[in-house]
Amino acid sequence: MLEVGRITKLFGAEGEVNINLYATFPDNFNEEQPLFTIVDSLVVPLFCESFTRRGKGGATVRFADIDTVKRAELIVGNEIFIEDEDNCEDEFTFEDLIGFEAKIGRIKGKVVDFYDNEFNPLLEIDIKGKNHLIPAIEEFISFIDFDKQIIKFVLPDGLIE
């Protein structure tokens, strides 16, 4: 998802809103493409019934299902996003982590392999010449620095002993 603007204020009496468009907003935006916002930690698609540009940095929009001022007030101040299918920089596979330095608290090691198992994908970590298998799950990975090639883990006690 690419952040492309912010809903700034109400416009009109039927739920229209003004949007401040960021430089990342595509010039060739297609109104049939949904915009997205986050409401109560959930990504919500917003389908445009009308989209009128106001210069280069703004637009007035009417979204389907937001037909009252009260409904529109719920999204004022929210960031808006679009799907960014062309930008795959944020996507990675676990194989991309092979060779990264692994940090588990004060323990340091190196990611030497990845085993792609549908039910239990595993990263193999070499710590002082001994290999350990760690489940490749989001709950165990606290941070990944792709520039410095470091991955930090938070593991339950006893997993690497």
C-alpha atoms as a PDB file:
ATOM      1  CA  MET A   1       0.000   0.000   0.000  1.00  0.00           C
ATOM      2  CA  LEU A   2       1.243   3.431  -0.957  1.00  0.00           C
ATOM      3  CA  GLU A   3       0.251   6.471   1.103  1.00  0.00           C
ATOM      4  CA  VAL A   4      -1.112   9.041  -1.354  1.00  0.00           C
ATOM      5  CA  GLY A   5      -3.075  11.627   0.607  1.00  0.00           C
ATOM      6  CA  ARG A   6      -5.102  12.704   3.617  1.00  0.00           C
ATOM      7  CA  ILE A   7      -8.815  13.414   3.950  1.00  0.00           C
ATOM      8  CA  THR A   8      -8.762  16.973   5.256  1.00  0.00           C
ATOM      9  CA  LYS A   9     -12.328  18.208   5.628  1.00  0.00           C
ATOM     10  CA  LEU A  10     -15.977  17.882   4.734  1.00  0.00           C
ATOM     11  CA  PHE A  11     -17.284  19.416   1.520  1.00  0.00           C
ATOM     12  CA  GLY A  12     -21.021  19.702   1.010  1.00  0.00           C
ATOM     13  CA  ALA A  13     -23.973  18.094   2.748  1.00  0.00           C
ATOM     14  CA  GLU A  14     -23.972  14.657   1.136  1.00  0.00           C
ATOM     15  CA  GLY A  15     -20.740  13.198   2.498  1.00  0.00           C
ATOM     16  CA  GLU A  16     -18.242  14.686   0.055  1.00  0.00           C
ATOM     17  CA  VAL A  17     -14.732  15.315   1.378  1.00  0.00           C
ATOM     18  CA  ASN A  18     -11.667  17.257   0.345  1.00  0.00           C
ATOM     19  CA  ILE A  19      -8.411  15.364   0.032  1.00  0.00           C
ATOM     20  CA  ASN A  20      -4.888  16.723   0.178  1.00  0.00           C
ATOM     21  CA  LEU A  21      -3.024  14.715  -2.486  1.00  0.00           C
ATOM     22  CA  TYR A  22       0.624  13.866  -1.838  1.00  0.00           C
ATOM     23  CA  ALA A  23       3.277  13.816  -4.562  1.00  0.00           C
ATOM     24  CA  THR A  24       2.889  10.012  -4.585  1.00  0.00           C
ATOM     25  CA  PHE A  25      -0.688  10.257  -5.886  1.00  0.00           C
ATOM     26  CA  PRO A  26      -0.678   8.935  -9.455  1.00  0.00           C
ATOM     27  CA  ASP A  27      -1.423  11.405 -12.239  1.00  0.00           C
ATOM     28  CA  ASN A  28      -3.267   8.652 -14.119  1.00  0.00           C
ATOM     29  CA  PHE A  29      -5.559   7.669 -11.218  1.00  0.00           C
ATOM     30  CA  ASN A  30      -8.542   5.633 -12.412  1.00  0.00           C
ATOM     31  CA  GLU A  31     -11.754   6.311 -10.443  1.00  0.00           C
ATOM     32  CA  GLU A  32     -12.675   2.641 -10.711  1.00  0.00           C
ATOM     33  CA  GLN A  33      -9.616   1.821  -8.610  1.00  0.00           C
ATOM     34  CA  PRO A  34     -10.445   1.894  -4.876  1.00  0.00           C
ATOM     35  CA  LEU A  35      -8.697   4.110  -2.401  1.00  0.00           C
ATOM     36  CA  PHE A  36      -8.083   2.701   1.079  1.00  0.00           C
ATOM     37  CA  THR A  37      -8.067   4.083   4.599  1.00  0.00           C
ATOM     38  CA  ILE A  38      -7.653   2.582   8.047  1.00  0.00           C
ATOM     39  CA  VAL A  39     -10.629   2.542  10.412  1.00  0.00           C
ATOM     40  CA  ASP A  40     -10.311   0.835  13.804  1.00  0.00           C
ATOM     41  CA  SER A  41      -7.066  -0.874  12.669  1.00  0.00           C
ATOM     42  CA  LEU A  42      -8.793  -2.353   9.608  1.00  0.00           C
ATOM     43  CA  VAL A  43      -7.985  -1.502   6.002  1.00  0.00           C
ATOM     44  CA  VAL A  44     -11.210  -0.265   4.402  1.00  0.00           C
ATOM     45  CA  PRO A  45     -11.680   0.176   0.637  1.00  0.00           C
ATOM     46  CA  LEU A  46     -13.302   3.418  -0.484  1.00  0.00           C
ATOM     47  CA  PHE A  47     -14.924   3.406  -3.924  1.00  0.00           C
ATOM     48  CA  CYS A  48     -15.239   6.771  -5.664  1.00  0.00           C
ATOM     49  CA  GLU A  49     -18.622   7.854  -6.981  1.00  0.00           C
ATOM     50  CA  SER A  50     -17.062  11.129  -8.073  1.00  0.00           C
ATOM     51  CA  PHE A  51     -13.501  12.418  -8.075  1.00  0.00           C
ATOM     52  CA  THR A  52     -12.747  16.010  -9.059  1.00  0.00           C
ATOM     53  CA  ARG A  53      -9.197  17.330  -8.973  1.00  0.00           C
ATOM     54  CA  ARG A  54      -8.643  20.732  -7.394  1.00  0.00           C
ATOM     55  CA  GLY A  55      -5.285  21.733  -8.822  1.00  0.00           C
ATOM     56  CA  LYS A  56      -2.336  19.380  -8.532  1.00  0.00           C
ATOM     57  CA  GLY A  57      -2.507  18.869  -4.763  1.00  0.00           C
ATOM     58  CA  GLY A  58      -6.169  18.449  -4.013  1.00  0.00           C
ATOM     59  CA  ALA A  59      -9.419  16.720  -4.894  1.00  0.00           C
ATOM     60  CA  THR A  60     -13.051  16.645  -3.889  1.00  0.00           C
ATOM     61  CA  VAL A  61     -14.377  13.115  -3.590  1.00  0.00           C
ATOM     62  CA  ARG A  62     -17.668  11.423  -2.956  1.00  0.00           C
ATOM     63  CA  PHE A  63     -17.343   7.830  -1.836  1.00  0.00           C
ATOM     64  CA  ALA A  64     -19.979   5.129  -2.265  1.00  0.00           C
ATOM     65  CA  ASP A  65     -21.680   4.276   1.050  1.00  0.00           C
ATOM     66  CA  ILE A  66     -20.592   7.590   2.590  1.00  0.00           C
ATOM     67  CA  ASP A  67     -23.670   9.650   1.856  1.00  0.00           C
ATOM     68  CA  THR A  68     -24.064  11.739   5.004  1.00  0.00           C
ATOM     69  CA  VAL A  69     -21.966  14.290   6.843  1.00  0.00           C
ATOM     70  CA  LYS A  70     -22.013  12.036   9.912  1.00  0.00           C
ATOM     71  CA  ARG A  71     -20.459   9.120   7.984  1.00  0.00           C
ATOM     72  CA  ALA A  72     -17.908  11.388   6.315  1.00  0.00           C
ATOM     73  CA  GLU A  73     -16.832  12.804   9.690  1.00  0.00           C
ATOM     74  CA  LEU A  74     -15.624   9.302  10.638  1.00  0.00           C
ATOM     75  CA  ILE A  75     -12.900   9.390   7.981  1.00  0.00           C
ATOM     76  CA  VAL A  76     -11.840  13.057   8.092  1.00  0.00           C
ATOM     77  CA  GLY A  77      -8.185  13.211   9.102  1.00  0.00           C
ATOM     78  CA  ASN A  78      -7.438   9.706   7.814  1.00  0.00           C
ATOM     79  CA  GLU A  79      -4.594   8.923   5.458  1.00  0.00           C
ATOM     80  CA  ILE A  80      -5.558   7.376   2.124  1.00  0.00           C
ATOM     81  CA  PHE A  81      -3.656   4.692   0.267  1.00  0.00           C
ATOM     82  CA  ILE A  82      -3.696   2.904  -3.071  1.00  0.00           C
ATOM     83  CA  GLU A  83      -2.495  -0.548  -3.973  1.00  0.00           C
ATOM     84  CA  ASP A  84       1.042  -0.228  -5.276  1.00  0.00           C
ATOM     85  CA  GLU A  85       1.392  -3.218  -7.574  1.00  0.00           C
ATOM     86  CA  ASP A  86       4.440  -1.819  -9.380  1.00  0.00           C
ATOM     87  CA  ASN A  87       6.508  -1.333  -6.245  1.00  0.00           C
ATOM     88  CA  CYS A  88       7.706  -4.663  -4.906  1.00  0.00           C
ATOM     89  CA  GLU A  89      10.531  -3.239  -2.768  1.00  0.00           C
ATOM     90  CA  ASP A  90       8.676  -4.050   0.456  1.00  0.00           C
ATOM     91  CA  GLU A  91       8.146  -7.650  -0.554  1.00  0.00           C
ATOM     92  CA  PHE A  92      10.713 -10.271   0.324  1.00  0.00           C
ATOM     93  CA  THR A  93      10.979 -13.993   0.701  1.00  0.00           C
ATOM     94  CA  PHE A  94      12.601 -15.802   3.578  1.00  0.00           C
ATOM     95  CA  GLU A  95      15.301 -16.959   1.155  1.00  0.00           C
ATOM     96  CA  ASP A  96      16.310 -13.287   0.921  1.00  0.00           C
ATOM     97  CA  LEU A  97      17.351 -13.464   4.595  1.00  0.00           C
ATOM     98  CA  ILE A  98      20.048 -16.090   4.017  1.00  0.00           C
ATOM     99  CA  GLY A  99      23.377 -14.533   4.948  1.00  0.00           C
ATOM    100  CA  PHE A 100      21.853 -11.995   7.355  1.00  0.00           C
ATOM    101  CA  GLU A 101      23.306 -11.572  10.831  1.00  0.00           C
ATOM    102  CA  ALA A 102      20.855 -12.992  13.363  1.00  0.00           C
ATOM    103  CA  LYS A 103      20.509 -11.421  16.801  1.00  0.00           C
ATOM    104  CA  ILE A 104      18.657 -13.185  19.587  1.00  0.00           C
ATOM    105  CA  GLY A 105      19.061 -10.954  22.622  1.00  0.00           C
ATOM    106  CA  ARG A 106      22.847 -10.807  23.120  1.00  0.00           C
ATOM    107  CA  ILE A 107      23.431 -13.951  21.071  1.00  0.00           C
ATOM    108  CA  LYS A 108      24.680 -13.443  17.524  1.00  0.00           C
ATOM    109  CA  GLY A 109      24.571 -15.888  14.652  1.00  0.00           C
ATOM    110  CA  LYS A 110      24.005 -16.085  10.931  1.00  0.00           C
ATOM    111  CA  VAL A 111      21.035 -17.202   8.837  1.00  0.00           C
ATOM    112  CA  VAL A 112      22.422 -20.059   6.742  1.00  0.00           C
ATOM    113  CA  ASP A 113      19.329 -21.640   5.190  1.00  0.00           C
ATOM    114  CA  PHE A 114      15.564 -21.599   4.867  1.00  0.00           C
ATOM    115  CA  TYR A 115      13.319 -24.656   4.764  1.00  0.00           C
ATOM    116  CA  ASP A 116      10.022 -23.923   3.068  1.00  0.00           C
ATOM    117  CA  ASN A 117       7.503 -26.215   4.675  1.00  0.00           C
ATOM    118  CA  GLU A 118       3.843 -25.330   4.198  1.00  0.00           C
ATOM    119  CA  PHE A 119       2.990 -26.003   7.849  1.00  0.00           C
ATOM    120  CA  ASN A 120       6.235 -24.978   9.572  1.00  0.00           C
ATOM    121  CA  PRO A 121       8.693 -22.831   7.568  1.00  0.00           C
ATOM    122  CA  LEU A 122      12.072 -22.747   9.320  1.00  0.00           C
ATOM    123  CA  LEU A 123      15.145 -20.534   9.298  1.00  0.00           C
ATOM    124  CA  GLU A 124      18.433 -22.286  10.052  1.00  0.00           C
ATOM    125  CA  ILE A 125      20.669 -20.138  12.252  1.00  0.00           C
ATOM    126  CA  ASP A 126      24.366 -20.905  12.863  1.00  0.00           C
ATOM    127  CA  ILE A 127      25.378 -19.849  16.376  1.00  0.00           C
ATOM    128  CA  LYS A 128      29.037 -20.551  17.227  1.00  0.00           C
ATOM    129  CA  GLY A 129      29.199 -23.505  14.839  1.00  0.00           C
ATOM    130  CA  LYS A 130      25.948 -25.093  16.029  1.00  0.00           C
ATOM    131  CA  ASN A 131      22.859 -24.919  13.814  1.00  0.00           C
ATOM    132  CA  HIS A 132      19.428 -24.171  15.236  1.00  0.00           C
ATOM    133  CA  LEU A 133      16.065 -24.280  13.482  1.00  0.00           C
ATOM    134  CA  ILE A 134      13.766 -21.375  14.274  1.00  0.00           C
ATOM    135  CA  PRO A 135      10.176 -21.173  13.031  1.00  0.00           C
ATOM    136  CA  ALA A 136       9.952 -18.417  10.421  1.00  0.00           C
ATOM    137  CA  ILE A 137       6.906 -16.744  11.902  1.00  0.00           C
ATOM    138  CA  GLU A 138       6.058 -13.102  12.394  1.00  0.00           C
ATOM    139  CA  GLU A 139       5.768 -13.468  16.176  1.00  0.00           C
ATOM    140  CA  PHE A 140       9.464 -14.409  16.490  1.00  0.00           C
ATOM    141  CA  ILE A 141      10.870 -11.704  14.193  1.00  0.00           C
ATOM    142  CA  SER A 142      11.047  -8.303  15.888  1.00  0.00           C
ATOM    143  CA  PHE A 143      13.054  -6.341  13.310  1.00  0.00           C
ATOM    144  CA  ILE A 144      14.673  -6.700   9.885  1.00  0.00           C
ATOM    145  CA  ASP A 145      17.241  -4.191   8.594  1.00  0.00           C
ATOM    146  CA  PHE A 146      17.715  -4.931   4.896  1.00  0.00           C
ATOM    147  CA  ASP A 147      20.451  -2.312   4.471  1.00  0.00           C
ATOM    148  CA  LYS A 148      22.672  -3.687   7.272  1.00  0.00           C
ATOM    149  CA  GLN A 149      21.446  -7.274   6.702  1.00  0.00           C
ATOM    150  CA  ILE A 150      20.430  -7.841  10.320  1.00  0.00           C
ATOM    151  CA  ILE A 151      17.425  -9.736  11.622  1.00  0.00           C
ATOM    152  CA  LYS A 152      16.444  -9.588  15.289  1.00  0.00           C
ATOM    153  CA  PHE A 153      14.441 -12.345  16.941  1.00  0.00           C
ATOM    154  CA  VAL A 154      12.424 -12.548  20.146  1.00  0.00           C
ATOM    155  CA  LEU A 155      12.199 -16.239  21.007  1.00  0.00           C
ATOM    156  CA  PRO A 156      10.577 -18.181  23.810  1.00  0.00           C
ATOM    157  CA  ASP A 157      12.963 -19.447  26.488  1.00  0.00           C
ATOM    158  CA  GLY A 158      14.606 -22.761  25.672  1.00  0.00           C
ATOM    159  CA  LEU A 159      14.107 -22.666  21.913  1.00  0.00           C
ATOM    160  CA  ILE A 160      17.813 -22.389  21.071  1.00  0.00           C
ATOM    161  CA  GLU A 161      19.387 -24.113  24.080  1.00  0.00           C
END
